[in-house]
Amino acid sequence: MAEQAEIDFTAGAERLEGLVAANAQQIETKGEHLSRLKALEVENEKLKLKNVDLARQVAEMIDLRSKRMVRGSNPVTSFDAESTNRVFRKAQIQDFARVFSTAGGKGLTDEQAHDDVGLVSHTPRIGDMKRAGLLVGTGERRATKSGSKAKVYKLTEYGQKLMRELNEGEK
């Protein structure tokens, strides 16, 4: 009987050692998974910051993508005024982006956007915004005040993202 007890004890000890080893392996695996998860979280945060940084860079460069507003033959005063106009142009683009953001998926024509912004004369801002990837045509056409049909535009996903950025920056 003592022999049987010793065999049972040895078998139990071996089984316990096996369980301890398996448990240690599971702990090690979970630790590896946790380390990988933490690395992925850090990478995700870096990507978020990179996306925010890219969105800001594009917003700041909108007016750099736009064509020059003066000809080379213009007087020096025109070139001086251009730098001031770039500031106004950027502000106008932000105003237009807000109007398009408010319009949502239904979009606006160039005329409707200018009316909503409060501008009497038309500016090339819609073209600037299309070139910058902020606006896209919906394929719809709407009647203007004169009765002619005009293209309808809406913010792209990228434009919506930039608007969220601008709104968060203002808070």
Protein backbone atom coordinates (compact mmCIF):
# COMPACT_ATOMS: atom_id res chain seq x y z
CA MET A 1 0.00 0.00 0.00
CA ALA A 2 2.88 2.35 0.75
CA GLU A 3 4.19 1.55 -2.70
CA GLN A 4 0.84 2.50 -4.26
CA ALA A 5 0.77 5.74 -2.30
CA GLU A 6 4.28 6.55 -3.47
CA ILE A 7 3.28 5.82 -7.11
CA ASP A 8 0.14 7.96 -6.73
CA PHE A 9 2.19 10.72 -5.14
CA THR A 10 4.80 10.56 -7.93
CA ALA A 11 2.07 10.55 -10.60
CA GLY A 12 0.34 13.45 -8.86
CA ALA A 13 3.60 15.39 -8.62
CA GLU A 14 4.33 14.74 -12.31
CA ARG A 15 0.81 15.80 -13.22
CA LEU A 16 1.21 18.92 -11.08
CA GLU A 17 4.53 19.73 -12.76
CA GLY A 18 2.82 19.31 -16.15
CA LEU A 19 0.02 21.64 -15.12
CA VAL A 20 2.50 24.19 -13.78
CA ALA A 21 4.45 24.03 -17.07
CA ALA A 22 1.23 24.38 -19.12
CA ASN A 23 0.12 27.27 -16.91
CA ALA A 24 3.52 28.96 -17.32
CA GLN A 25 3.22 28.53 -21.10
CA GLN A 26 -0.25 30.08 -21.06
CA ILE A 27 1.01 32.99 -18.96
CA GLU A 28 3.92 33.50 -21.36
CA THR A 29 1.56 33.38 -24.37
CA LYS A 30 -0.83 35.83 -22.72
CA GLY A 31 2.11 38.09 -21.94
CA GLU A 32 3.18 37.97 -25.59
CA HIS A 33 -0.38 38.78 -26.66
CA LEU A 34 -0.54 41.65 -24.19
CA SER A 35 2.79 43.02 -25.42
CA ARG A 36 1.58 42.79 -29.03
CA LEU A 37 -1.70 44.47 -28.10
CA LYS A 38 0.15 47.33 -26.40
CA ALA A 39 2.40 47.70 -29.46
CA LEU A 40 -0.67 47.82 -31.72
CA GLU A 41 -2.30 50.44 -29.49
CA VAL A 42 0.84 52.59 -29.68
CA GLU A 43 0.96 52.13 -33.47
CA ASN A 44 -2.74 53.03 -33.72
CA GLU A 45 -2.17 56.24 -31.74
CA LYS A 46 0.77 57.14 -33.99
CA LEU A 47 -1.43 56.61 -37.07
CA LYS A 48 -4.18 58.77 -35.56
CA LEU A 49 -1.67 61.54 -34.92
CA LYS A 50 -0.26 61.14 -38.42
CA ASN A 51 -3.76 61.40 -39.93
CA VAL A 52 -4.52 64.51 -37.88
CA ASP A 53 -1.19 66.01 -38.91
CA LEU A 54 -1.86 65.24 -42.59
CA ALA A 55 -5.33 66.77 -42.36
CA ARG A 56 -3.88 69.94 -40.86
CA GLN A 57 -1.17 70.11 -43.51
CA VAL A 58 -3.70 69.80 -46.31
CA ALA A 59 -5.94 72.43 -44.71
CA GLU A 60 -2.96 74.78 -44.49
CA MET A 61 -1.90 74.03 -48.06
CA ILE A 62 -5.28 74.53 -49.73
CA ASP A 63 -4.29 77.96 -50.93
CA LEU A 64 -0.86 76.69 -52.06
CA ARG A 65 -2.55 74.25 -54.47
CA SER A 66 -4.65 77.05 -55.93
CA LYS A 67 -3.47 78.92 -58.98
CA ARG A 68 -1.67 82.21 -58.61
CA MET A 69 -4.00 85.15 -58.44
CA VAL A 70 -1.72 87.61 -60.26
CA ARG A 71 0.04 87.54 -63.62
CA GLY A 72 3.77 88.05 -63.91
CA SER A 73 3.12 91.29 -65.80
CA ASN A 74 1.13 92.82 -62.92
CA PRO A 75 2.68 95.63 -60.85
CA VAL A 76 4.48 94.90 -57.59
CA THR A 77 1.47 96.10 -55.58
CA SER A 78 -0.57 93.20 -57.01
CA PHE A 79 1.99 90.72 -55.68
CA ASP A 80 1.86 92.41 -52.28
CA ALA A 81 -1.92 92.16 -52.25
CA GLU A 82 -1.79 88.49 -53.23
CA SER A 83 -0.38 87.41 -49.86
CA THR A 84 -3.21 89.22 -48.06
CA ASN A 85 -5.73 87.70 -50.46
CA ARG A 86 -4.42 84.21 -49.69
CA VAL A 87 -5.45 84.72 -46.05
CA PHE A 88 -8.94 85.82 -47.16
CA ARG A 89 -9.13 82.93 -49.61
CA LYS A 90 -8.33 80.41 -46.88
CA ALA A 91 -10.98 81.98 -44.62
CA GLN A 92 -13.48 81.85 -47.49
CA ILE A 93 -12.70 78.19 -48.11
CA GLN A 94 -13.35 77.47 -44.44
CA ASP A 95 -16.66 79.39 -44.68
CA PHE A 96 -17.65 77.38 -47.76
CA ALA A 97 -16.64 74.12 -46.08
CA ARG A 98 -18.89 74.97 -43.11
CA VAL A 99 -21.82 75.71 -45.46
CA PHE A 100 -21.31 72.42 -47.31
CA SER A 101 -20.95 70.60 -43.99
CA THR A 102 -24.29 72.00 -42.85
CA ALA A 103 -25.91 70.99 -46.16
CA GLY A 104 -24.82 67.39 -45.59
CA GLY A 105 -25.47 64.79 -48.27
CA LYS A 106 -27.99 66.91 -50.20
CA GLY A 107 -25.18 69.19 -51.36
CA LEU A 108 -25.30 72.70 -52.82
CA THR A 109 -24.82 74.40 -56.15
CA ASP A 110 -22.12 77.04 -56.52
CA GLU A 111 -24.84 79.71 -56.40
CA GLN A 112 -26.47 78.26 -53.27
CA ALA A 113 -23.11 78.03 -51.52
CA HIS A 114 -22.26 81.65 -52.34
CA ASP A 115 -25.69 82.76 -51.12
CA ASP A 116 -25.28 80.82 -47.87
CA VAL A 117 -21.80 82.26 -47.30
CA GLY A 118 -23.17 85.72 -47.98
CA LEU A 119 -21.12 86.59 -51.04
CA VAL A 120 -22.81 88.55 -53.80
CA SER A 121 -20.24 87.87 -56.52
CA HIS A 122 -18.94 84.44 -57.35
CA THR A 123 -15.43 83.39 -56.42
CA PRO A 124 -13.35 80.44 -57.64
CA ARG A 125 -13.45 78.81 -54.18
CA ILE A 126 -15.56 75.85 -55.33
CA GLY A 127 -12.88 75.04 -57.91
CA ASP A 128 -10.17 75.47 -55.27
CA MET A 129 -12.01 73.05 -53.00
CA LYS A 130 -12.53 70.48 -55.78
CA ARG A 131 -8.81 70.59 -56.67
CA ALA A 132 -7.93 70.14 -52.99
CA GLY A 133 -10.16 67.04 -52.81
CA LEU A 134 -12.68 68.61 -50.43
CA LEU A 135 -15.70 68.65 -52.78
CA VAL A 136 -17.15 66.18 -55.25
CA GLY A 137 -20.07 66.42 -57.65
CA THR A 138 -23.20 64.49 -56.70
CA GLY A 139 -24.29 64.00 -60.31
CA GLU A 140 -27.42 66.03 -59.59
CA ARG A 141 -28.24 69.35 -61.28
CA ARG A 142 -30.49 72.02 -59.79
CA ALA A 143 -32.11 75.11 -61.18
CA THR A 144 -30.36 78.41 -60.47
CA LYS A 145 -32.03 81.79 -60.03
CA SER A 146 -31.76 82.33 -63.79
CA GLY A 147 -33.44 78.98 -64.45
CA SER A 148 -30.37 77.25 -65.86
CA LYS A 149 -29.16 73.99 -64.35
CA ALA A 150 -26.07 73.93 -62.12
CA LYS A 151 -24.00 71.06 -60.75
CA VAL A 152 -24.51 70.08 -57.12
CA TYR A 153 -21.46 69.47 -54.92
CA LYS A 154 -20.99 67.95 -51.50
CA LEU A 155 -18.07 67.47 -49.12
CA THR A 156 -15.99 64.37 -49.73
CA GLU A 157 -15.25 62.06 -46.80
CA TYR A 158 -11.89 63.79 -46.66
CA GLY A 159 -13.61 67.20 -46.57
CA GLN A 160 -15.87 66.00 -43.76
CA LYS A 161 -12.82 64.82 -41.84
CA LEU A 162 -11.15 68.21 -42.24
CA MET A 163 -14.33 69.93 -41.04
CA ARG A 164 -14.35 67.76 -37.92
CA GLU A 165 -10.70 68.76 -37.42
CA LEU A 166 -11.51 72.45 -37.78
CA ASN A 167 -14.47 72.14 -35.40
CA GLU A 168 -12.38 70.30 -32.80
CA GLY A 169 -9.66 72.93 -33.13
CA GLU A 170 -12.16 75.68 -32.37
CA LYS A 171 -13.33 74.08 -29.11
